Amino acid sequence: MPTIARLLTVLTGLLLSAATFAQDQRQSWLVETMYKSGKINTVIAVVSVVLIGIATWLFLMDRKLSRIEKQINDQQIR
């Protein structure tokens, strides 16, 4: 790994860890609205369903494309 890339990686890690120490003690809007009202569970469930749906769709598309590629290769061999 080049020296510049290592340096950038280390600097990025240091800056990200330093940002966590700059937090104040008051609660954020996320805690105030989502966690206290119980809506965060709904948000997590919806996001999970959407991501699982996208992953399933990509998996099925990959299988279909693999079959089509195999058919094309079989036809070219003949």
N, C-alpha and C. Protein backbone atom coordinates (compact mmCIF):
# COMPACT_ATOMS: atom_id res chain seq x y z
N MET A 1 0.85 -1.17 0.00
CA MET A 1 0.00 0.00 0.00
C MET A 1 0.90 1.24 0.00
N PRO A 2 0.67 2.16 -0.90
CA PRO A 2 1.53 3.34 -0.97
C PRO A 2 1.49 4.15 0.33
N THR A 3 2.55 4.90 0.56
CA THR A 3 2.69 5.67 1.78
C THR A 3 1.59 6.72 1.92
N ILE A 4 1.23 7.36 0.82
CA ILE A 4 0.20 8.40 0.86
C ILE A 4 -1.15 7.80 1.25
N ALA A 5 -1.47 6.65 0.71
CA ALA A 5 -2.73 5.99 1.05
C ALA A 5 -2.77 5.61 2.52
N ARG A 6 -1.65 5.12 3.06
CA ARG A 6 -1.60 4.79 4.49
C ARG A 6 -1.80 6.03 5.34
N LEU A 7 -1.14 7.11 4.95
CA LEU A 7 -1.27 8.35 5.70
C LEU A 7 -2.70 8.86 5.70
N LEU A 8 -3.36 8.82 4.54
CA LEU A 8 -4.74 9.25 4.46
C LEU A 8 -5.66 8.36 5.30
N THR A 9 -5.39 7.08 5.31
CA THR A 9 -6.19 6.15 6.10
C THR A 9 -6.05 6.44 7.59
N VAL A 10 -4.82 6.67 8.03
CA VAL A 10 -4.58 6.96 9.45
C VAL A 10 -5.22 8.29 9.83
N LEU A 11 -5.07 9.30 9.00
CA LEU A 11 -5.66 10.61 9.30
C LEU A 11 -7.18 10.54 9.35
N THR A 12 -7.77 9.80 8.43
CA THR A 12 -9.22 9.64 8.43
C THR A 12 -9.68 8.95 9.72
N GLY A 13 -8.99 7.91 10.12
CA GLY A 13 -9.34 7.22 11.35
C GLY A 13 -9.22 8.11 12.57
N LEU A 14 -8.17 8.91 12.61
CA LEU A 14 -7.99 9.83 13.74
C LEU A 14 -9.08 10.89 13.78
N LEU A 15 -9.42 11.43 12.61
CA LEU A 15 -10.46 12.47 12.57
C LEU A 15 -11.82 11.91 12.95
N LEU A 16 -12.12 10.70 12.52
CA LEU A 16 -13.42 10.10 12.86
C LEU A 16 -13.52 9.80 14.34
N SER A 17 -12.42 9.34 14.93
CA SER A 17 -12.47 9.05 16.36
C SER A 17 -12.50 10.33 17.18
N ALA A 18 -11.86 11.39 16.70
CA ALA A 18 -11.88 12.67 17.43
C ALA A 18 -13.27 13.30 17.38
N ALA A 19 -14.02 13.06 16.34
CA ALA A 19 -15.36 13.64 16.22
C ALA A 19 -16.31 13.08 17.26
N THR A 20 -16.07 11.87 17.72
CA THR A 20 -16.96 11.29 18.72
C THR A 20 -16.78 11.94 20.09
N PHE A 21 -15.61 12.50 20.36
CA PHE A 21 -15.37 13.16 21.63
C PHE A 21 -15.99 14.54 21.69
N ALA A 22 -16.37 15.09 20.54
CA ALA A 22 -16.92 16.44 20.50
C ALA A 22 -18.42 16.47 20.73
N GLN A 23 -19.02 15.37 21.14
CA GLN A 23 -20.45 15.32 21.34
C GLN A 23 -20.83 16.02 22.63
N ASP A 24 -21.92 16.77 22.58
CA ASP A 24 -22.41 17.39 23.81
C ASP A 24 -23.35 16.42 24.54
N GLN A 25 -23.80 16.80 25.72
CA GLN A 25 -24.56 15.89 26.56
C GLN A 25 -26.06 15.85 26.24
N ARG A 26 -26.56 16.81 25.47
CA ARG A 26 -27.99 16.80 25.18
C ARG A 26 -28.31 15.73 24.13
N GLN A 27 -29.53 15.24 24.17
CA GLN A 27 -29.92 14.17 23.26
C GLN A 27 -30.20 14.73 21.87
N SER A 28 -29.93 13.94 20.88
CA SER A 28 -30.15 14.37 19.50
C SER A 28 -31.62 14.25 19.13
N TRP A 29 -31.97 14.77 17.97
CA TRP A 29 -33.36 14.71 17.50
C TRP A 29 -33.79 13.26 17.27
N LEU A 30 -32.83 12.42 16.91
CA LEU A 30 -33.17 11.02 16.67
C LEU A 30 -33.63 10.35 17.96
N VAL A 31 -32.92 10.59 19.03
CA VAL A 31 -33.30 9.99 20.30
C VAL A 31 -34.62 10.57 20.78
N GLU A 32 -34.78 11.87 20.62
CA GLU A 32 -35.99 12.52 21.11
C GLU A 32 -37.24 12.07 20.35
N THR A 33 -37.13 11.89 19.05
CA THR A 33 -38.33 11.58 18.26
C THR A 33 -38.53 10.08 18.03
N MET A 34 -37.51 9.40 17.60
CA MET A 34 -37.68 8.01 17.19
C MET A 34 -37.64 7.03 18.36
N TYR A 35 -36.64 7.13 19.20
CA TYR A 35 -36.50 6.15 20.27
C TYR A 35 -37.59 6.28 21.32
N LYS A 36 -37.87 7.50 21.74
CA LYS A 36 -38.84 7.69 22.82
C LYS A 36 -40.26 7.34 22.39
N SER A 37 -40.59 7.57 21.12
CA SER A 37 -41.95 7.26 20.67
C SER A 37 -42.08 5.82 20.17
N GLY A 38 -40.98 5.11 20.06
CA GLY A 38 -41.01 3.72 19.62
C GLY A 38 -41.08 3.54 18.11
N LYS A 39 -40.89 4.61 17.36
CA LYS A 39 -40.96 4.52 15.90
C LYS A 39 -39.70 3.94 15.27
N ILE A 40 -38.62 3.90 16.01
CA ILE A 40 -37.36 3.41 15.45
C ILE A 40 -37.48 1.94 15.05
N ASN A 41 -38.26 1.17 15.79
CA ASN A 41 -38.43 -0.24 15.43
C ASN A 41 -39.12 -0.39 14.08
N THR A 42 -40.09 0.47 13.81
CA THR A 42 -40.78 0.45 12.52
C THR A 42 -39.83 0.84 11.40
N VAL A 43 -39.03 1.84 11.64
CA VAL A 43 -38.07 2.29 10.62
C VAL A 43 -37.07 1.18 10.32
N ILE A 44 -36.55 0.55 11.35
CA ILE A 44 -35.59 -0.54 11.15
C ILE A 44 -36.24 -1.70 10.40
N ALA A 45 -37.48 -2.02 10.73
CA ALA A 45 -38.17 -3.11 10.06
C ALA A 45 -38.38 -2.81 8.58
N VAL A 46 -38.80 -1.59 8.26
CA VAL A 46 -39.05 -1.22 6.86
C VAL A 46 -37.74 -1.23 6.07
N VAL A 47 -36.70 -0.66 6.64
CA VAL A 47 -35.40 -0.64 5.94
C VAL A 47 -34.89 -2.06 5.74
N SER A 48 -35.07 -2.92 6.73
CA SER A 48 -34.63 -4.31 6.60
C SER A 48 -35.39 -5.03 5.49
N VAL A 49 -36.69 -4.84 5.43
CA VAL A 49 -37.49 -5.49 4.40
C VAL A 49 -37.07 -5.00 3.02
N VAL A 50 -36.83 -3.71 2.88
CA VAL A 50 -36.41 -3.16 1.59
C VAL A 50 -35.05 -3.72 1.18
N LEU A 51 -34.10 -3.76 2.11
CA LEU A 51 -32.77 -4.28 1.78
C LEU A 51 -32.81 -5.77 1.46
N ILE A 52 -33.61 -6.53 2.19
CA ILE A 52 -33.74 -7.96 1.89
C ILE A 52 -34.40 -8.15 0.52
N GLY A 53 -35.38 -7.33 0.20
CA GLY A 53 -36.03 -7.41 -1.11
C GLY A 53 -35.06 -7.10 -2.24
N ILE A 54 -34.25 -6.07 -2.07
CA ILE A 54 -33.26 -5.72 -3.10
C ILE A 54 -32.23 -6.83 -3.25
N ALA A 55 -31.77 -7.39 -2.13
CA ALA A 55 -30.79 -8.48 -2.19
C ALA A 55 -31.36 -9.71 -2.88
N THR A 56 -32.61 -10.04 -2.58
CA THR A 56 -33.26 -11.18 -3.23
C THR A 56 -33.41 -10.94 -4.72
N TRP A 57 -33.83 -9.74 -5.08
CA TRP A 57 -33.99 -9.42 -6.50
C TRP A 57 -32.66 -9.52 -7.23
N LEU A 58 -31.58 -9.00 -6.63
CA LEU A 58 -30.26 -9.09 -7.27
C LEU A 58 -29.81 -10.54 -7.41
N PHE A 59 -30.06 -11.35 -6.40
CA PHE A 59 -29.69 -12.76 -6.47
C PHE A 59 -30.43 -13.47 -7.60
N LEU A 60 -31.73 -13.23 -7.70
CA LEU A 60 -32.52 -13.87 -8.75
C LEU A 60 -32.10 -13.38 -10.13
N MET A 61 -31.82 -12.09 -10.26
CA MET A 61 -31.36 -11.55 -11.55
C MET A 61 -30.02 -12.16 -11.96
N ASP A 62 -29.14 -12.36 -10.99
CA ASP A 62 -27.84 -12.96 -11.28
C ASP A 62 -28.02 -14.39 -11.79
N ARG A 63 -28.93 -15.13 -11.16
CA ARG A 63 -29.19 -16.50 -11.62
C ARG A 63 -29.75 -16.51 -13.04
N LYS A 64 -30.69 -15.61 -13.33
CA LYS A 64 -31.28 -15.55 -14.66
C LYS A 64 -30.23 -15.17 -15.71
N LEU A 65 -29.39 -14.19 -15.36
CA LEU A 65 -28.35 -13.78 -16.31
C LEU A 65 -27.34 -14.90 -16.54
N SER A 66 -27.03 -15.65 -15.49
CA SER A 66 -26.10 -16.77 -15.65
C SER A 66 -26.68 -17.82 -16.60
N ARG A 67 -27.97 -18.10 -16.46
CA ARG A 67 -28.62 -19.05 -17.37
C ARG A 67 -28.59 -18.55 -18.82
N ILE A 68 -28.88 -17.28 -19.00
CA ILE A 68 -28.88 -16.71 -20.36
C ILE A 68 -27.48 -16.76 -20.94
N GLU A 69 -26.46 -16.41 -20.14
CA GLU A 69 -25.07 -16.47 -20.62
C GLU A 69 -24.69 -17.90 -20.99
N LYS A 70 -25.13 -18.87 -20.19
CA LYS A 70 -24.82 -20.26 -20.49
C LYS A 70 -25.48 -20.69 -21.80
N GLN A 71 -26.75 -20.27 -22.02
CA GLN A 71 -27.43 -20.60 -23.27
C GLN A 71 -26.71 -19.98 -24.46
N ILE A 72 -26.27 -18.73 -24.33
CA ILE A 72 -25.57 -18.07 -25.42
C ILE A 72 -24.26 -18.78 -25.70
N ASN A 73 -23.52 -19.16 -24.67
CA ASN A 73 -22.26 -19.88 -24.87
C ASN A 73 -22.48 -21.24 -25.50
N ASP A 74 -23.55 -21.92 -25.11
CA ASP A 74 -23.85 -23.23 -25.71
C ASP A 74 -24.21 -23.09 -27.19
N GLN A 75 -24.91 -22.04 -27.55
CA GLN A 75 -25.28 -21.83 -28.94
C GLN A 75 -24.06 -21.43 -29.78
N GLN A 76 -23.13 -20.73 -29.23
CA GLN A 76 -21.94 -20.33 -29.96
C GLN A 76 -21.01 -21.51 -30.19
N ILE A 77 -20.99 -22.46 -29.27
CA ILE A 77 -20.13 -23.63 -29.41
C ILE A 77 -20.61 -24.51 -30.54
N ARG A 78 -21.92 -24.62 -30.72
CA ARG A 78 -22.48 -25.50 -31.74
C ARG A 78 -22.22 -24.98 -33.09
